Amino acid sequence: MAFLKLVPQLIAWTVMVLVILRGIPGRRRTVTLVAMAGFTLGVAGYFVMFRSFPVKVPLGIIKTAEGAGFFLLWAVAVVALYRSTVRDFPLFRMERFVETRLCAWSGPLLSGVVAGAICASRLPGFDSATVQLLIYAALALVGAALVVAAWSVEKLLTPSFPVTPSSLLAAVVALLLFCSSSILLLDLFSPLSMKVMKGFHDFVHQFMESILIPDHVFIKPVIWRYIGLLFGKEVGFWGGMIIWFTPALLVALAIYLEPLPSVGHIRQGAQRRRLLAAAIRTKRYRLVVPVLTLVILAAAAYQSRFPNVEYWDPKPLVVTATPAGEIIIPKKGEVDLEDGKLHKYLYKQGGKEARFFVMMTPDGKLTVDLDACAICKPDGYGQAEGTVICYYCKTLIPLDTVGKPGGCNPVPVPFTEREEGVHIDGITLASSWARTVQATTRITEGGK
């Protein structure tokens, strides 16, 4: 059962090996052996770090490796496009580099390590080190068997189906991103969209304050409707999509723009036509991998946008304040505040409302926070394994940072913890909610 949820990742690993074998055809045996070793090393490395460090340490290393691969893809894609338009390219030829022993070792090894670690991160933890070691060893064997399967399939493919170096890197990076898109703490697309959205927010906010001034006589209310579009989460989503897909599009464009071979020196018309037809056919074959890369990236973005995860999001319980204006939430009773789950409440009194939650963080401390942050529309939060998620911008906040101000973290609320429960000042809570909602209403106006 533990391997069922690994099916997409294992299929992606098989396709990855298939593409690498096709992209480095002169060193198939080396690629096969190194890919096996890399996957096994990735599984073993994650197992050791998982048993020795907090889970965020190995996940952080994997995420950094994926980000570095994505940046490298951007650079290679730009170089590939430049090469296709400049015949006398001054730098080294990527085709020759890919066929070197260094690339035949480093490429499959690094890809295997990251893929193996991603697959290992999907396995559940066990109290028994022996049982967990056996599970991870079984995963390593499955990964090695899939490498052999990919090698067998690759030998059946027609030789006229080539993979360019830039296409090879694009496919490998896209498959790794797809593997991690179903894992909340490894996904890159949602954080990318959030960074783009925050970048737009900060730029427009600073521009309006330093140049136009929000209350300027020439700034009519209707203009805020258009400015509000720049503060919507759709800006982050579509900006992220542009960054996400552009490298693969550049690789496809580079192949499309590659000049056909010169046939002016050939006198026979039939031979010229055959050579040109063969070149066009080969170019079409070479476009297959970049197109499939775009499909894989689209699947990763969709999986990130609509994760197959059930969030804990309880219906808020209505609470009121005492005559002294104090809200008291018992630690035990209808809910258990110390069970590690997020518990939502809705404060209603005197026409005032405020939505907040109480939960215990991993360090054993209770925290009280608004069900909203200071920069997003107050759509609230849900809880997943090890994180809470902002429903507006899909940002994941580690549980150990909940209760700390800043960014997309829930706005903390002052409270007093006593033996019987949590005490919150109703006026402070209501005013904090009102300020937060008012601050985010204008910037999200027209954004959703």
Protein backbone atom coordinates (compact mmCIF):
# COMPACT_ATOMS: atom_id res chain seq x y z
CA MET A 1 0.00 0.00 0.00
CA ALA A 2 2.89 2.37 0.74
CA PHE A 3 3.98 2.21 -2.92
CA LEU A 4 0.56 2.97 -4.44
CA LYS A 5 0.86 6.71 -3.94
CA LEU A 6 4.32 6.54 -5.55
CA VAL A 7 2.98 5.37 -8.92
CA PRO A 8 3.13 8.85 -10.61
CA GLN A 9 6.66 9.45 -9.30
CA LEU A 10 7.90 6.02 -10.39
CA ILE A 11 6.40 6.44 -13.85
CA ALA A 12 8.07 9.85 -14.11
CA TRP A 13 11.39 8.28 -13.08
CA THR A 14 11.07 5.65 -15.81
CA VAL A 15 10.35 8.29 -18.45
CA MET A 16 13.25 10.36 -17.12
CA VAL A 17 15.71 7.49 -17.61
CA LEU A 18 14.26 6.83 -21.07
CA VAL A 19 14.86 10.46 -22.10
CA ILE A 20 18.40 10.48 -20.66
CA LEU A 21 19.28 7.27 -22.51
CA ARG A 22 17.97 8.73 -25.74
CA GLY A 23 19.76 12.05 -25.12
CA ILE A 24 23.14 10.38 -24.42
CA PRO A 25 23.04 7.51 -26.95
CA GLY A 26 26.78 6.87 -26.99
CA ARG A 27 27.02 5.88 -23.33
CA ARG A 28 23.90 3.83 -22.62
CA ARG A 29 25.60 1.31 -20.34
CA THR A 30 27.18 4.07 -18.23
CA VAL A 31 23.91 5.98 -18.02
CA THR A 32 22.02 2.85 -16.92
CA LEU A 33 24.45 1.94 -14.14
CA VAL A 34 24.86 5.52 -12.90
CA ALA A 35 21.07 6.10 -12.89
CA MET A 36 20.61 3.02 -10.71
CA ALA A 37 23.34 4.20 -8.34
CA GLY A 38 21.92 7.73 -8.22
CA PHE A 39 18.40 6.61 -7.37
CA THR A 40 19.69 4.26 -4.68
CA LEU A 41 21.90 7.00 -3.26
CA GLY A 42 18.97 9.42 -3.18
CA VAL A 43 16.79 6.93 -1.28
CA ALA A 44 19.59 6.09 1.15
CA GLY A 45 20.49 9.73 1.69
CA TYR A 46 16.90 10.68 2.47
CA PHE A 47 16.59 7.73 4.85
CA VAL A 48 19.70 8.78 6.80
CA MET A 49 18.68 12.46 6.95
CA PHE A 50 15.07 11.59 7.79
CA ARG A 51 16.24 9.55 10.78
CA SER A 52 18.84 12.11 11.87
CA PHE A 53 17.33 15.57 11.22
CA PRO A 54 13.92 17.28 11.21
CA VAL A 55 12.00 16.45 8.04
CA LYS A 56 12.26 20.03 6.76
CA VAL A 57 16.06 19.62 6.37
CA PRO A 58 16.03 16.92 3.64
CA LEU A 59 12.97 18.48 2.03
CA GLY A 60 14.75 21.84 1.95
CA ILE A 61 17.76 20.28 0.22
CA ILE A 62 15.52 18.63 -2.40
CA LYS A 63 13.66 21.87 -3.01
CA THR A 64 16.92 23.78 -3.43
CA ALA A 65 18.16 21.21 -5.95
CA GLU A 66 14.95 21.53 -7.96
CA GLY A 67 15.18 25.32 -7.93
CA ALA A 68 18.79 25.17 -9.12
CA GLY A 69 17.77 22.84 -11.93
CA PHE A 70 15.00 25.23 -13.00
CA PHE A 71 17.42 28.19 -13.08
CA LEU A 72 19.89 26.09 -15.10
CA LEU A 73 17.10 25.25 -17.56
CA TRP A 74 16.42 28.96 -18.04
CA ALA A 75 20.08 29.60 -18.85
CA VAL A 76 20.35 26.64 -21.24
CA ALA A 77 17.09 27.59 -22.98
CA VAL A 78 18.32 31.14 -23.64
CA VAL A 79 21.65 29.82 -24.95
CA ALA A 80 19.86 27.30 -27.17
CA LEU A 81 17.68 30.01 -28.69
CA TYR A 82 20.70 32.21 -29.30
CA ARG A 83 22.56 29.34 -30.94
CA SER A 84 19.68 28.66 -33.32
CA THR A 85 19.85 32.22 -34.66
CA VAL A 86 23.65 32.62 -34.70
CA ARG A 87 25.57 30.13 -36.82
CA ASP A 88 29.04 30.85 -35.44
CA PHE A 89 28.24 30.42 -31.75
CA PRO A 90 31.31 31.38 -29.70
CA LEU A 91 30.75 29.03 -26.74
CA PHE A 92 31.15 25.25 -26.55
CA ARG A 93 28.80 22.95 -28.43
CA MET A 94 26.31 21.39 -26.04
CA GLU A 95 26.02 18.25 -28.15
CA ARG A 96 29.69 17.43 -27.66
CA PHE A 97 29.53 18.19 -23.95
CA VAL A 98 26.55 15.88 -23.43
CA GLU A 99 28.47 13.00 -25.00
CA THR A 100 31.44 13.44 -22.65
CA ARG A 101 32.07 11.03 -19.80
CA LEU A 102 31.59 13.84 -17.27
CA CYS A 103 28.05 14.56 -18.44
CA ALA A 104 27.22 10.86 -18.82
CA TRP A 105 28.08 10.44 -15.14
CA SER A 106 26.87 13.70 -13.58
CA GLY A 107 23.53 14.00 -15.39
CA PRO A 108 22.03 10.59 -14.54
CA LEU A 109 23.61 10.65 -11.07
CA LEU A 110 22.15 14.01 -10.02
CA SER A 111 18.78 13.26 -11.60
CA GLY A 112 18.67 9.88 -9.87
CA VAL A 113 19.61 11.32 -6.48
CA VAL A 114 16.86 13.96 -6.60
CA ALA A 115 14.26 11.53 -8.00
CA GLY A 116 15.13 8.90 -5.39
CA ALA A 117 14.91 11.42 -2.57
CA ILE A 118 11.52 12.69 -3.80
CA CYS A 119 10.15 9.15 -3.97
CA ALA A 120 11.53 8.37 -0.51
CA SER A 121 9.85 11.47 0.92
CA ARG A 122 6.48 10.00 -0.07
CA LEU A 123 6.95 6.94 2.12
CA PRO A 124 5.40 6.94 5.60
CA GLY A 125 7.58 6.93 8.70
CA PHE A 126 7.83 3.90 10.98
CA ASP A 127 8.90 3.68 14.60
CA SER A 128 10.99 0.61 13.83
CA ALA A 129 14.21 1.52 12.04
CA THR A 130 14.46 -2.02 10.66
CA VAL A 131 11.01 -1.91 9.04
CA GLN A 132 11.70 1.52 7.59
CA LEU A 133 15.08 0.37 6.23
CA LEU A 134 13.40 -2.59 4.51
CA ILE A 135 10.77 -0.33 2.94
CA TYR A 136 13.42 2.06 1.63
CA ALA A 137 15.52 -0.84 0.35
CA ALA A 138 12.48 -2.15 -1.54
CA LEU A 139 12.01 1.31 -3.08
CA ALA A 140 15.64 1.34 -4.24
CA LEU A 141 15.19 -2.07 -5.88
CA VAL A 142 12.00 -0.93 -7.63
CA GLY A 143 13.83 2.16 -8.92
CA ALA A 144 16.68 0.02 -10.27
CA ALA A 145 14.23 -2.37 -11.95
CA LEU A 146 12.53 0.57 -13.66
CA VAL A 147 15.89 1.72 -15.01
CA VAL A 148 16.33 -1.69 -16.66
CA ALA A 149 12.79 -1.45 -18.05
CA ALA A 150 13.51 2.00 -19.49
CA TRP A 151 16.71 0.68 -21.09
CA SER A 152 14.76 -2.15 -22.73
CA VAL A 153 12.12 0.23 -24.09
CA GLU A 154 14.71 2.72 -25.36
CA LYS A 155 16.36 0.05 -27.52
CA LEU A 156 13.05 -0.45 -29.35
CA LEU A 157 12.73 3.22 -30.36
CA THR A 158 13.62 4.26 -33.87
CA PRO A 159 17.06 5.91 -34.30
CA SER A 160 15.37 8.84 -36.07
CA PHE A 161 13.91 10.02 -32.75
CA PRO A 162 16.71 12.23 -31.32
CA VAL A 163 16.72 14.31 -28.11
CA THR A 164 18.69 17.56 -28.10
CA PRO A 165 20.71 18.56 -25.00
CA SER A 166 18.36 21.44 -24.16
CA SER A 167 15.33 19.17 -24.63
CA LEU A 168 16.96 16.59 -22.39
CA LEU A 169 17.44 19.07 -19.55
CA ALA A 170 13.94 20.50 -20.02
CA ALA A 171 12.33 17.05 -19.81
CA VAL A 172 14.33 16.01 -16.74
CA VAL A 173 13.58 19.24 -14.85
CA ALA A 174 9.88 19.09 -15.81
CA LEU A 175 9.60 15.49 -14.62
CA LEU A 176 11.26 16.33 -11.30
CA LEU A 177 8.91 19.29 -10.85
CA PHE A 178 5.97 17.02 -11.63
CA CYS A 179 7.20 14.47 -9.07
CA SER A 180 7.30 17.10 -6.34
CA SER A 181 4.12 18.99 -7.27
CA SER A 182 1.96 16.52 -5.30
CA ILE A 183 4.04 17.04 -2.14
CA LEU A 184 3.05 20.24 -0.35
CA LEU A 185 6.47 21.00 1.10
CA LEU A 186 8.31 20.31 -2.19
CA ASP A 187 5.99 22.03 -4.66
CA LEU A 188 7.58 24.99 -6.47
CA PHE A 189 4.71 26.36 -8.54
CA SER A 190 2.59 27.74 -5.69
CA PRO A 191 5.55 29.52 -4.02
CA LEU A 192 6.56 30.89 -7.42
CA SER A 193 3.07 32.34 -7.99
CA MET A 194 3.07 33.79 -4.49
CA LYS A 195 6.47 35.46 -5.04
CA VAL A 196 5.27 37.00 -8.31
CA MET A 197 2.08 38.25 -6.66
CA LYS A 198 4.02 39.70 -3.73
CA GLY A 199 6.45 41.35 -6.14
CA PHE A 200 3.56 43.09 -7.94
CA HIS A 201 2.00 44.05 -4.62
CA ASP A 202 5.20 45.60 -3.28
CA PHE A 203 6.02 47.43 -6.51
CA VAL A 204 2.58 48.97 -7.00
CA HIS A 205 2.26 49.80 -3.31
CA GLN A 206 5.60 51.60 -3.22
CA PHE A 207 4.92 53.32 -6.55
CA MET A 208 1.55 54.62 -5.42
CA GLU A 209 2.91 55.86 -2.10
CA SER A 210 6.10 57.47 -3.37
CA ILE A 211 4.90 58.86 -6.72
CA LEU A 212 1.14 59.25 -6.95
CA ILE A 213 0.06 59.23 -3.31
CA PRO A 214 -3.25 57.35 -2.79
CA ASP A 215 -5.32 60.42 -1.85
CA HIS A 216 -4.08 62.59 -4.70
CA VAL A 217 -6.78 64.84 -6.21
CA PHE A 218 -6.28 63.27 -9.66
CA ILE A 219 -6.70 59.70 -8.43
CA LYS A 220 -10.39 59.00 -8.82
CA PRO A 221 -12.05 55.99 -7.16
CA VAL A 222 -12.66 54.36 -10.53
CA ILE A 223 -8.89 54.17 -11.10
CA TRP A 224 -8.56 51.95 -8.03
CA ARG A 225 -10.62 49.32 -9.83
CA TYR A 226 -7.94 48.99 -12.46
CA ILE A 227 -5.09 49.25 -9.97
CA GLY A 228 -6.81 46.55 -7.93
CA LEU A 229 -6.34 44.11 -10.82
CA LEU A 230 -2.59 44.21 -10.15
CA PHE A 231 -3.21 43.11 -6.58
CA GLY A 232 -5.32 40.08 -7.43
CA LYS A 233 -4.00 36.55 -7.03
CA GLU A 234 -4.55 36.02 -10.77
CA VAL A 235 -1.54 38.28 -11.41
CA GLY A 236 0.62 35.91 -9.39
CA PHE A 237 -0.86 32.86 -11.10
CA TRP A 238 -0.40 34.07 -14.66
CA GLY A 239 2.99 35.60 -13.89
CA GLY A 240 4.05 32.28 -12.42
CA MET A 241 2.73 30.48 -15.51
CA ILE A 242 4.89 32.68 -17.76
CA ILE A 243 8.01 31.93 -15.74
CA TRP A 244 7.05 28.26 -15.51
CA PHE A 245 6.54 27.61 -19.22
CA THR A 246 8.93 30.04 -20.91
CA PRO A 247 12.08 27.85 -20.77
CA ALA A 248 10.39 24.91 -22.49
CA LEU A 249 8.88 27.27 -25.07
CA LEU A 250 12.33 28.75 -25.74
CA VAL A 251 13.74 25.26 -26.25
CA ALA A 252 10.96 24.41 -28.72
CA LEU A 253 11.45 27.75 -30.50
CA ALA A 254 15.20 27.15 -30.73
CA ILE A 255 14.61 23.82 -32.47
CA TYR A 256 12.00 25.34 -34.78
CA LEU A 257 14.34 28.19 -35.79
CA GLU A 258 17.35 26.00 -36.46
CA PRO A 259 18.41 26.56 -40.09
CA LEU A 260 18.03 23.70 -42.53
CA PRO A 261 21.21 22.28 -44.07
CA SER A 262 22.61 24.06 -47.09
CA VAL A 263 21.90 22.15 -50.31
CA GLY A 264 22.90 24.78 -52.83
CA HIS A 265 26.03 22.85 -53.78
CA ILE A 266 24.00 19.74 -54.74
CA ARG A 267 23.06 19.75 -58.42
CA GLN A 268 20.46 16.98 -58.43
CA GLY A 269 17.05 18.35 -57.43
CA ALA A 270 15.76 15.00 -56.17
CA GLN A 271 18.70 14.61 -53.81
CA ARG A 272 18.26 18.15 -52.51
CA ARG A 273 14.59 17.48 -51.82
CA ARG A 274 15.39 14.21 -50.01
CA LEU A 275 17.95 15.92 -47.78
CA LEU A 276 15.58 18.77 -46.95
CA ALA A 277 12.70 16.37 -46.30
CA ALA A 278 14.88 14.31 -43.97
CA ALA A 279 16.02 17.44 -42.12
CA ILE A 280 12.45 18.65 -41.69
CA ARG A 281 11.34 15.22 -40.47
CA THR A 282 14.21 15.11 -37.95
CA LYS A 283 13.31 18.60 -36.69
CA ARG A 284 9.73 17.48 -36.13
CA TYR A 285 10.94 14.48 -34.17
CA ARG A 286 13.14 16.73 -32.05
CA LEU A 287 10.14 18.90 -31.21
CA VAL A 288 8.33 15.97 -29.59
CA VAL A 289 10.21 16.15 -26.28
CA PRO A 290 9.77 19.93 -25.76
CA VAL A 291 6.05 19.60 -26.49
CA LEU A 292 5.75 16.73 -24.01
CA THR A 293 7.70 18.86 -21.54
CA LEU A 294 5.04 21.55 -21.80
CA VAL A 295 2.37 18.94 -21.11
CA ILE A 296 4.28 17.68 -18.06
CA LEU A 297 4.72 21.24 -16.73
CA ALA A 298 0.99 21.86 -17.24
CA ALA A 299 0.20 18.71 -15.26
CA ALA A 300 2.56 19.84 -12.49
CA ALA A 301 0.94 23.29 -12.36
CA TYR A 302 -2.54 21.73 -12.24
CA GLN A 303 -1.50 19.33 -9.49
CA SER A 304 -0.05 22.23 -7.53
CA ARG A 305 -3.11 24.39 -8.09
CA PHE A 306 -5.53 21.62 -7.09
CA PRO A 307 -3.56 19.40 -4.70
CA ASN A 308 -4.98 16.02 -3.89
CA VAL A 309 -4.93 16.87 -0.19
CA GLU A 310 -7.73 17.09 2.33
CA TYR A 311 -7.28 20.13 4.53
CA TRP A 312 -8.51 20.21 8.10
CA ASP A 313 -10.82 23.21 8.09
CA PRO A 314 -13.45 22.97 10.86
CA LYS A 315 -16.57 25.10 10.88
CA PRO A 316 -16.00 28.12 13.15
CA LEU A 317 -17.70 27.92 16.54
CA VAL A 318 -19.54 31.10 17.53
CA VAL A 319 -18.27 32.67 20.76
CA THR A 320 -19.16 35.80 22.71
CA ALA A 321 -17.40 37.86 25.35
CA THR A 322 -18.19 38.15 29.04
CA PRO A 323 -19.62 41.41 30.41
CA ALA A 324 -16.01 42.39 31.09
CA GLY A 325 -15.25 42.01 27.35
CA GLU A 326 -13.18 38.84 27.68
CA ILE A 327 -13.44 35.78 25.42
CA ILE A 328 -12.69 32.52 27.21
CA ILE A 329 -11.90 29.36 25.21
CA PRO A 330 -11.67 26.26 27.46
CA LYS A 331 -8.72 23.96 26.82
CA LYS A 332 -10.92 20.91 27.26
CA GLY A 333 -14.58 20.44 26.48
CA GLU A 334 -16.28 20.54 23.09
CA VAL A 335 -12.82 20.70 21.52
CA ASP A 336 -9.34 19.90 22.78
CA LEU A 337 -7.08 22.86 22.13
CA GLU A 338 -3.97 20.78 22.81
CA ASP A 339 -4.59 18.11 20.15
CA GLY A 340 -2.41 19.88 17.57
CA LYS A 341 -5.33 20.68 15.28
CA LEU A 342 -6.50 24.07 14.08
CA HIS A 343 -9.73 25.12 15.86
CA LYS A 344 -11.69 28.02 14.37
CA TYR A 345 -13.98 30.46 16.16
CA LEU A 346 -16.23 33.33 15.15
CA TYR A 347 -16.57 36.16 17.63
CA LYS A 348 -19.91 37.97 17.42
CA GLN A 349 -20.97 40.76 19.71
CA GLY A 350 -22.56 44.17 19.33
CA GLY A 351 -22.53 44.06 15.55
CA LYS A 352 -18.84 43.21 15.51
CA GLU A 353 -17.36 40.03 14.07
CA ALA A 354 -13.91 38.50 14.00
CA ARG A 355 -12.75 35.11 12.77
CA PHE A 356 -9.79 33.50 14.51
CA PHE A 357 -8.30 30.15 15.40
CA VAL A 358 -6.47 28.52 18.28
CA MET A 359 -3.98 25.69 17.90
CA MET A 360 -0.95 24.14 19.55
CA THR A 361 2.30 24.46 17.60
CA PRO A 362 4.90 21.66 17.42
CA ASP A 363 6.88 23.23 20.28
CA GLY A 364 3.93 22.63 22.64
CA LYS A 365 2.74 26.24 22.88
CA LEU A 366 -0.75 27.51 22.18
CA THR A 367 -1.21 30.32 19.70
CA VAL A 368 -4.19 32.53 18.85
CA ASP A 369 -4.30 34.06 15.37
CA LEU A 370 -6.71 35.77 13.04
CA ASP A 371 -8.00 33.55 10.24
CA ALA A 372 -6.36 36.03 7.88
CA CYS A 373 -2.98 37.57 7.10
CA ALA A 374 -1.88 41.17 6.55
CA ILE A 375 -1.33 40.94 2.78
CA CYS A 376 -4.06 38.68 1.33
CA LYS A 377 -7.80 38.70 1.08
CA PRO A 378 -9.14 37.07 4.29
CA ASP A 379 -10.13 33.73 2.75
CA GLY A 380 -8.77 31.89 5.78
CA TYR A 381 -6.48 28.93 6.41
CA GLY A 382 -6.64 25.17 6.32
CA GLN A 383 -4.31 22.69 8.00
CA ALA A 384 -2.38 19.92 6.28
CA GLU A 385 0.46 17.72 7.46
CA GLY A 386 3.09 20.00 8.99
CA THR A 387 1.66 23.20 7.53
CA VAL A 388 -1.26 25.56 7.30
CA ILE A 389 -2.18 26.94 3.89
CA CYS A 390 -3.48 30.38 2.93
CA TYR A 391 -6.50 29.68 0.74
CA TYR A 392 -6.09 32.95 -1.16
CA CYS A 393 -2.52 32.64 -2.43
CA LYS A 394 -1.89 28.92 -1.69
CA THR A 395 1.17 29.73 0.42
CA LEU A 396 2.26 27.00 2.83
CA ILE A 397 3.22 28.13 6.32
CA PRO A 398 5.14 25.66 8.51
CA LEU A 399 3.38 24.97 11.80
CA ASP A 400 6.40 26.05 13.82
CA THR A 401 6.11 29.59 12.40
CA VAL A 402 2.38 30.00 13.12
CA GLY A 403 2.00 32.66 15.79
CA LYS A 404 4.86 34.74 14.39
CA PRO A 405 4.01 37.91 12.44
CA GLY A 406 5.07 38.74 8.92
CA GLY A 407 4.45 37.72 5.31
CA CYS A 408 1.52 35.42 4.75
CA ASN A 409 1.55 34.14 8.32
CA PRO A 410 -1.74 34.44 10.20
CA VAL A 411 -1.88 37.68 12.21
CA PRO A 412 -1.17 36.80 15.86
CA VAL A 413 -3.60 37.97 18.54
CA PRO A 414 -2.54 38.82 22.13
CA PHE A 415 -3.95 36.35 24.66
CA THR A 416 -3.44 35.04 28.16
CA GLU A 417 -3.09 31.34 28.78
CA ARG A 418 -4.40 30.04 32.07
CA GLU A 419 -4.89 26.58 33.47
CA GLU A 420 -8.53 26.34 32.44
CA GLY A 421 -8.25 27.95 29.02
CA VAL A 422 -7.29 30.83 26.76
CA HIS A 423 -8.41 34.39 27.53
CA ILE A 424 -8.69 36.96 24.73
CA ASP A 425 -9.72 40.61 24.91
CA GLY A 426 -12.77 41.00 22.66
CA ILE A 427 -12.12 44.66 21.79
CA THR A 428 -8.52 43.95 20.81
CA LEU A 429 -9.58 40.97 18.70
CA ALA A 430 -12.36 42.88 16.90
CA SER A 431 -10.18 45.93 16.21
CA SER A 432 -7.32 43.73 14.93
CA TRP A 433 -9.70 41.94 12.56
CA ALA A 434 -11.19 45.24 11.36
CA ARG A 435 -7.76 46.74 10.66
CA THR A 436 -6.60 43.63 8.81
CA VAL A 437 -9.73 43.38 6.65
CA GLN A 438 -9.69 47.11 5.90
CA ALA A 439 -6.01 46.99 4.91
CA THR A 440 -6.55 44.09 2.52
CA THR A 441 -9.90 45.20 1.08
CA ARG A 442 -8.50 48.01 -1.04
CA ILE A 443 -5.55 46.06 -2.41
CA THR A 444 -7.74 43.10 -3.38
CA GLU A 445 -10.48 45.25 -4.87
CA GLY A 446 -11.01 44.01 -8.39
CA GLY A 447 -8.49 41.24 -7.84
CA LYS A 448 -11.03 38.43 -7.55
